[in-house]
Every structure is written in structure tokens, then in C-alpha cells.
């Protein structure tokens, strides 16, 4: 079994400041980890994913996440927030198929 926990239900940041959305996971096997974003009135969009190899994953729009096995974390970061980043962000984990997300949790980012 696997699960994710997003530690902040809502994050408010000012434009130009760094963004941190925290995600911790639990998995009995090496996990596949995902971040999705849903902008207002739009569908879910894959932001980035970790499957294996390089632990620092770069995604779209300047976002990145680092897989830290020792901390069971996959926190999403961005160096400088933009007003267009205001959206809901979903962390997901899966232990089988990389293309299919498992459990989803959510963060709301307000800029």
C-alpha cells in the first residue's frame, strides 16, 4: 500500500518569493511520484514526475521537486512565484505504473 500526505492545505505567497509545497509519501516498494496542477476552470495537468535515476526533477513553469528517500519526501519548489501560479497542486504516489497516478492529495496555492 502507498499514500501521500500534503502538509499544507493552503499556501499563500507574494509574487516573486520562493514557493514550497510539501509532500511526504509512504510506500513499501520504490515509488513513482507525481505532482499535478489544476488551474482555475481547467483540467488536471502533469507538472512533473519521478520514476528513477536523478532525484531532482525539473517540471514546467520553473517548478521542480527533489526525491529524498531518507525523508520520504517529494516537496515541490519554485524559486519565484508568479500570479499565474495560483492553482491547486496535487501530489500523487504509485507503486506500479508510472503513467497512472495513485492516491491524490491537494494544496491550494494563492499568489
N, C-alpha and C. Protein backbone atom coordinates (compact mmCIF):
# COMPACT_ATOMS: atom_id res chain seq x y z
N UNK A 1 0.84 -1.20 0.00
CA UNK A 1 0.00 0.00 0.00
C UNK A 1 0.87 1.24 0.00
N UNK A 2 0.34 2.33 -0.57
CA UNK A 2 1.07 3.57 -0.62
C UNK A 2 0.12 4.73 -0.34
N UNK A 3 0.70 5.83 0.12
CA UNK A 3 -0.11 7.02 0.39
C UNK A 3 0.78 8.24 0.32
N UNK A 4 0.15 9.41 0.17
CA UNK A 4 0.85 10.68 0.25
C UNK A 4 0.15 11.58 1.25
N UNK A 5 0.93 12.46 1.86
CA UNK A 5 0.40 13.45 2.78
C UNK A 5 0.95 14.81 2.39
N UNK A 6 0.05 15.74 2.12
CA UNK A 6 0.46 17.11 1.85
C UNK A 6 0.23 17.91 3.13
N UNK A 7 1.30 18.50 3.64
CA UNK A 7 1.28 19.04 4.99
C UNK A 7 0.65 20.42 5.09
N UNK A 8 0.42 21.08 3.97
CA UNK A 8 -0.18 22.41 3.98
C UNK A 8 -1.42 22.38 3.08
N UNK A 9 -2.58 22.66 3.65
CA UNK A 9 -3.79 22.63 2.83
C UNK A 9 -3.89 23.87 1.96
N UNK A 10 -3.35 24.98 2.44
CA UNK A 10 -3.37 26.22 1.66
C UNK A 10 -2.09 26.99 1.93
N UNK A 11 -1.49 27.47 0.86
CA UNK A 11 -0.25 28.24 0.96
C UNK A 11 -0.47 29.56 0.23
N UNK A 12 -0.21 30.65 0.93
CA UNK A 12 -0.31 31.98 0.31
C UNK A 12 1.08 32.58 0.23
N UNK A 13 1.45 33.04 -0.94
CA UNK A 13 2.76 33.67 -1.14
C UNK A 13 2.59 34.94 -1.96
N UNK A 14 3.55 35.82 -1.81
CA UNK A 14 3.57 37.04 -2.61
C UNK A 14 4.34 36.78 -3.89
N UNK A 15 4.02 37.54 -4.91
CA UNK A 15 4.72 37.38 -6.18
C UNK A 15 6.21 37.66 -5.99
N UNK A 16 7.04 36.80 -6.57
CA UNK A 16 8.48 36.97 -6.52
C UNK A 16 9.18 36.24 -5.39
N UNK A 17 8.42 35.66 -4.46
CA UNK A 17 9.05 34.94 -3.35
C UNK A 17 9.07 33.44 -3.65
N UNK A 18 9.95 32.69 -2.99
CA UNK A 18 10.01 31.24 -3.24
C UNK A 18 8.75 30.52 -2.80
N UNK A 19 8.46 29.42 -3.49
CA UNK A 19 7.30 28.58 -3.20
C UNK A 19 7.79 27.23 -2.70
N UNK A 20 7.13 26.71 -1.65
CA UNK A 20 7.38 25.36 -1.16
C UNK A 20 6.05 24.70 -0.85
N UNK A 21 5.75 23.60 -1.54
CA UNK A 21 4.59 22.78 -1.26
C UNK A 21 5.10 21.41 -0.85
N UNK A 22 4.79 21.03 0.38
CA UNK A 22 5.39 19.83 0.96
C UNK A 22 4.55 18.58 0.69
N UNK A 23 5.25 17.49 0.40
CA UNK A 23 4.60 16.21 0.18
C UNK A 23 5.48 15.10 0.75
N UNK A 24 4.89 14.30 1.63
CA UNK A 24 5.56 13.11 2.14
C UNK A 24 4.79 11.88 1.68
N UNK A 25 5.51 10.81 1.45
CA UNK A 25 4.88 9.60 0.92
C UNK A 25 5.18 8.40 1.80
N UNK A 26 4.38 7.39 1.64
CA UNK A 26 4.61 6.10 2.27
C UNK A 26 4.42 5.03 1.21
N UNK A 27 5.42 4.16 1.07
CA UNK A 27 5.35 3.11 0.06
C UNK A 27 6.24 1.95 0.48
N UNK A 28 5.76 0.75 0.27
CA UNK A 28 6.54 -0.43 0.66
C UNK A 28 7.52 -0.86 -0.43
N UNK A 29 7.41 -0.25 -1.60
CA UNK A 29 8.31 -0.55 -2.72
C UNK A 29 8.80 0.79 -3.28
N UNK A 30 9.85 0.79 -4.11
CA UNK A 30 10.30 2.06 -4.70
C UNK A 30 9.14 2.77 -5.41
N UNK A 31 8.88 4.01 -5.04
CA UNK A 31 7.68 4.68 -5.56
C UNK A 31 7.91 5.43 -6.86
N UNK A 32 6.82 5.63 -7.58
CA UNK A 32 6.74 6.63 -8.63
C UNK A 32 6.00 7.81 -8.02
N UNK A 33 6.52 9.01 -8.16
CA UNK A 33 5.94 10.19 -7.53
C UNK A 33 5.59 11.24 -8.57
N UNK A 34 4.50 11.94 -8.34
CA UNK A 34 3.97 12.88 -9.32
C UNK A 34 3.51 14.17 -8.63
N UNK A 35 3.61 15.26 -9.34
CA UNK A 35 2.91 16.50 -8.99
C UNK A 35 2.05 16.88 -10.18
N UNK A 36 0.78 17.17 -9.88
CA UNK A 36 -0.16 17.67 -10.88
C UNK A 36 -0.60 19.08 -10.48
N UNK A 37 -1.05 19.84 -11.45
CA UNK A 37 -1.59 21.17 -11.19
C UNK A 37 -2.94 21.29 -11.87
N UNK A 38 -3.85 22.00 -11.21
CA UNK A 38 -5.15 22.31 -11.81
C UNK A 38 -5.39 23.81 -11.68
N UNK A 39 -5.29 24.49 -12.81
CA UNK A 39 -5.55 25.92 -12.84
C UNK A 39 -7.06 26.16 -12.84
N UNK A 40 -7.50 27.33 -12.39
CA UNK A 40 -8.95 27.60 -12.33
C UNK A 40 -9.65 27.29 -13.65
N UNK A 41 -10.74 26.56 -13.55
CA UNK A 41 -11.59 26.21 -14.70
C UNK A 41 -10.86 25.39 -15.77
N UNK A 42 -9.83 24.66 -15.36
CA UNK A 42 -9.12 23.80 -16.30
C UNK A 42 -8.99 22.39 -15.72
N UNK A 43 -8.57 21.47 -16.57
CA UNK A 43 -8.38 20.10 -16.14
C UNK A 43 -7.05 19.89 -15.44
N UNK A 44 -6.87 18.70 -14.92
CA UNK A 44 -5.63 18.32 -14.24
C UNK A 44 -4.51 18.20 -15.27
N UNK A 45 -3.32 18.71 -14.92
CA UNK A 45 -2.18 18.70 -15.83
C UNK A 45 -0.96 18.18 -15.08
N UNK A 46 -0.22 17.28 -15.72
CA UNK A 46 1.00 16.76 -15.10
C UNK A 46 2.06 17.85 -15.06
N UNK A 47 2.59 18.10 -13.86
CA UNK A 47 3.62 19.11 -13.68
C UNK A 47 5.00 18.49 -13.77
N UNK A 48 5.19 17.38 -13.07
CA UNK A 48 6.46 16.65 -13.13
C UNK A 48 6.27 15.28 -12.50
N UNK A 49 7.25 14.38 -12.75
CA UNK A 49 7.17 13.05 -12.14
C UNK A 49 8.57 12.50 -11.90
N UNK A 50 8.66 11.68 -10.86
CA UNK A 50 9.90 10.96 -10.55
C UNK A 50 9.63 9.47 -10.75
N UNK A 51 10.46 8.82 -11.54
CA UNK A 51 10.33 7.37 -11.71
C UNK A 51 11.57 6.64 -11.22
N UNK A 52 12.75 7.16 -11.52
CA UNK A 52 14.01 6.59 -11.03
C UNK A 52 15.14 7.49 -11.50
N UNK A 53 16.35 7.20 -11.03
CA UNK A 53 17.50 7.97 -11.51
C UNK A 53 17.68 9.27 -10.78
N UNK A 54 17.89 10.35 -11.53
CA UNK A 54 18.17 11.66 -10.95
C UNK A 54 17.07 12.07 -9.98
N UNK A 55 17.47 12.45 -8.77
CA UNK A 55 16.47 12.73 -7.73
C UNK A 55 15.87 14.12 -7.84
N UNK A 56 16.55 15.05 -8.52
CA UNK A 56 16.00 16.39 -8.72
C UNK A 56 15.29 16.42 -10.07
N UNK A 57 13.99 16.63 -10.03
CA UNK A 57 13.16 16.58 -11.23
C UNK A 57 12.71 17.99 -11.57
N UNK A 58 12.96 18.41 -12.80
CA UNK A 58 12.52 19.73 -13.25
C UNK A 58 11.23 19.58 -14.05
N UNK A 59 10.27 20.44 -13.75
CA UNK A 59 8.98 20.39 -14.42
C UNK A 59 8.72 21.64 -15.23
N UNK A 60 7.47 21.86 -15.55
CA UNK A 60 7.09 23.01 -16.35
C UNK A 60 7.00 24.27 -15.48
N UNK A 61 7.09 25.42 -16.11
CA UNK A 61 6.89 26.72 -15.46
C UNK A 61 7.85 27.00 -14.31
N UNK A 62 9.04 26.39 -14.35
CA UNK A 62 10.03 26.67 -13.32
C UNK A 62 9.91 25.87 -12.04
N UNK A 63 8.96 24.96 -11.98
CA UNK A 63 8.80 24.12 -10.79
C UNK A 63 9.79 22.95 -10.82
N UNK A 64 10.18 22.51 -9.64
CA UNK A 64 11.00 21.31 -9.51
C UNK A 64 10.68 20.63 -8.19
N UNK A 65 11.04 19.36 -8.11
CA UNK A 65 10.84 18.60 -6.88
C UNK A 65 12.02 17.65 -6.72
N UNK A 66 12.39 17.42 -5.47
CA UNK A 66 13.50 16.52 -5.19
C UNK A 66 13.02 15.31 -4.40
N UNK A 67 13.32 14.14 -4.93
CA UNK A 67 13.01 12.89 -4.26
C UNK A 67 14.05 12.63 -3.17
N UNK A 68 13.60 12.60 -1.92
CA UNK A 68 14.50 12.33 -0.81
C UNK A 68 14.02 11.07 -0.10
N UNK A 69 14.64 9.96 -0.43
CA UNK A 69 14.22 8.67 0.11
C UNK A 69 14.34 8.64 1.62
N UNK A 70 15.43 9.20 2.15
CA UNK A 70 15.67 9.14 3.61
C UNK A 70 14.61 9.92 4.39
N UNK A 71 14.03 10.93 3.76
CA UNK A 71 13.00 11.74 4.41
C UNK A 71 11.60 11.39 3.92
N UNK A 72 11.50 10.43 3.03
CA UNK A 72 10.25 10.05 2.36
C UNK A 72 9.48 11.30 1.90
N UNK A 73 10.21 12.20 1.22
CA UNK A 73 9.59 13.45 0.80
C UNK A 73 9.79 13.70 -0.69
N UNK A 74 8.89 14.50 -1.25
CA UNK A 74 8.94 14.92 -2.64
C UNK A 74 8.33 16.31 -2.72
N UNK A 75 9.01 17.28 -2.10
CA UNK A 75 8.49 18.63 -1.99
C UNK A 75 8.63 19.39 -3.32
N UNK A 76 7.59 20.14 -3.64
CA UNK A 76 7.58 20.95 -4.86
C UNK A 76 8.07 22.36 -4.53
N UNK A 77 8.98 22.87 -5.35
CA UNK A 77 9.52 24.20 -5.11
C UNK A 77 9.56 25.01 -6.41
N UNK A 78 9.59 26.32 -6.23
CA UNK A 78 9.81 27.25 -7.34
C UNK A 78 10.53 28.45 -6.77
N UNK A 79 11.54 28.93 -7.46
CA UNK A 79 12.39 30.00 -6.94
C UNK A 79 11.63 31.31 -6.77
N UNK A 80 10.67 31.57 -7.65
CA UNK A 80 9.98 32.86 -7.62
C UNK A 80 8.53 32.68 -8.08
N UNK A 81 7.60 32.94 -7.18
CA UNK A 81 6.18 32.77 -7.50
C UNK A 81 5.70 33.84 -8.47
N UNK A 82 4.77 33.44 -9.31
CA UNK A 82 4.13 34.38 -10.24
C UNK A 82 2.62 34.28 -10.02
N UNK A 83 1.92 35.36 -10.28
CA UNK A 83 0.47 35.35 -10.06
C UNK A 83 -0.21 34.23 -10.84
N UNK A 84 0.36 33.87 -11.98
CA UNK A 84 -0.23 32.80 -12.80
C UNK A 84 -0.06 31.42 -12.19
N UNK A 85 0.71 31.30 -11.11
CA UNK A 85 0.89 30.00 -10.44
C UNK A 85 -0.26 29.66 -9.49
N UNK A 86 -1.16 30.60 -9.26
CA UNK A 86 -2.29 30.36 -8.36
C UNK A 86 -3.14 29.22 -8.90
N UNK A 87 -3.23 28.13 -8.13
CA UNK A 87 -3.89 26.92 -8.61
C UNK A 87 -3.94 25.90 -7.47
N UNK A 88 -4.52 24.74 -7.75
CA UNK A 88 -4.45 23.61 -6.83
C UNK A 88 -3.36 22.66 -7.31
N UNK A 89 -2.56 22.19 -6.38
CA UNK A 89 -1.44 21.30 -6.68
C UNK A 89 -1.65 19.97 -5.98
N UNK A 90 -1.47 18.90 -6.74
CA UNK A 90 -1.75 17.56 -6.23
C UNK A 90 -0.49 16.71 -6.27
N UNK A 91 -0.16 16.12 -5.15
CA UNK A 91 0.93 15.16 -5.06
C UNK A 91 0.34 13.76 -5.15
N UNK A 92 1.01 12.86 -5.85
CA UNK A 92 0.49 11.51 -6.00
C UNK A 92 1.64 10.51 -5.97
N UNK A 93 1.31 9.30 -5.53
CA UNK A 93 2.29 8.21 -5.49
C UNK A 93 1.67 6.97 -6.09
N UNK A 94 2.50 6.17 -6.74
CA UNK A 94 2.05 4.90 -7.29
C UNK A 94 3.21 3.92 -7.19
N UNK A 95 2.91 2.67 -6.97
CA UNK A 95 4.00 1.69 -6.85
C UNK A 95 4.05 0.73 -8.04
N UNK A 96 3.27 1.03 -9.10
CA UNK A 96 3.28 0.12 -10.24
C UNK A 96 3.50 0.84 -11.56
N UNK A 97 2.47 1.48 -12.10
CA UNK A 97 2.52 2.02 -13.45
C UNK A 97 2.80 3.51 -13.42
N UNK A 98 3.93 3.99 -14.00
CA UNK A 98 4.27 5.41 -13.93
C UNK A 98 3.24 6.34 -14.55
N UNK A 99 2.51 5.88 -15.54
CA UNK A 99 1.58 6.77 -16.23
C UNK A 99 0.27 6.97 -15.47
N UNK A 100 0.03 6.18 -14.45
CA UNK A 100 -1.24 6.24 -13.74
C UNK A 100 -1.00 6.67 -12.30
N UNK A 101 -1.62 7.76 -11.90
CA UNK A 101 -1.44 8.25 -10.54
C UNK A 101 -2.24 7.43 -9.55
N UNK A 102 -1.70 7.27 -8.37
CA UNK A 102 -2.40 6.56 -7.30
C UNK A 102 -3.20 7.54 -6.47
N UNK A 103 -2.92 7.59 -5.17
CA UNK A 103 -3.66 8.47 -4.29
C UNK A 103 -3.27 9.93 -4.53
N UNK A 104 -4.27 10.79 -4.61
CA UNK A 104 -4.04 12.23 -4.81
C UNK A 104 -4.41 12.99 -3.55
N UNK A 105 -3.56 13.91 -3.15
CA UNK A 105 -3.88 14.91 -2.13
C UNK A 105 -3.66 16.27 -2.75
N UNK A 106 -4.10 17.32 -2.05
CA UNK A 106 -4.09 18.62 -2.71
C UNK A 106 -3.53 19.73 -1.84
N UNK A 107 -2.92 20.71 -2.48
CA UNK A 107 -2.53 22.00 -1.90
C UNK A 107 -3.18 23.09 -2.72
N UNK A 108 -3.64 24.13 -2.08
CA UNK A 108 -4.13 25.31 -2.78
C UNK A 108 -3.09 26.40 -2.63
N UNK A 109 -2.58 26.90 -3.74
CA UNK A 109 -1.59 27.96 -3.73
C UNK A 109 -2.24 29.25 -4.17
N UNK A 110 -2.16 30.26 -3.33
CA UNK A 110 -2.70 31.58 -3.67
C UNK A 110 -1.55 32.55 -3.80
N UNK A 111 -1.53 33.29 -4.89
CA UNK A 111 -0.48 34.29 -5.13
C UNK A 111 -1.08 35.68 -5.17
